[in-house]
Amino acid sequence: MGAVVMAGLPAYSRLKLDVHTHGQVNAGFCIGVIINWFIISYRIMI
């Protein structure tokens, strides 16, 4: 739960400052979830 809150804070600030659109923020979250899923599932050490 804390990870969601911590990820949401920068997203909220980027939307509030009109730096990014909702689509860009959502795309960033999706890319982050996919990359983390691959790293955890396939044990890729970076």
Foldseek 3Di string as FASTA:
>chain_A
DVVVVVLVVVVVVCVVVVVDDPVVSVVVVVVVVVVVCCCVVVVDDD
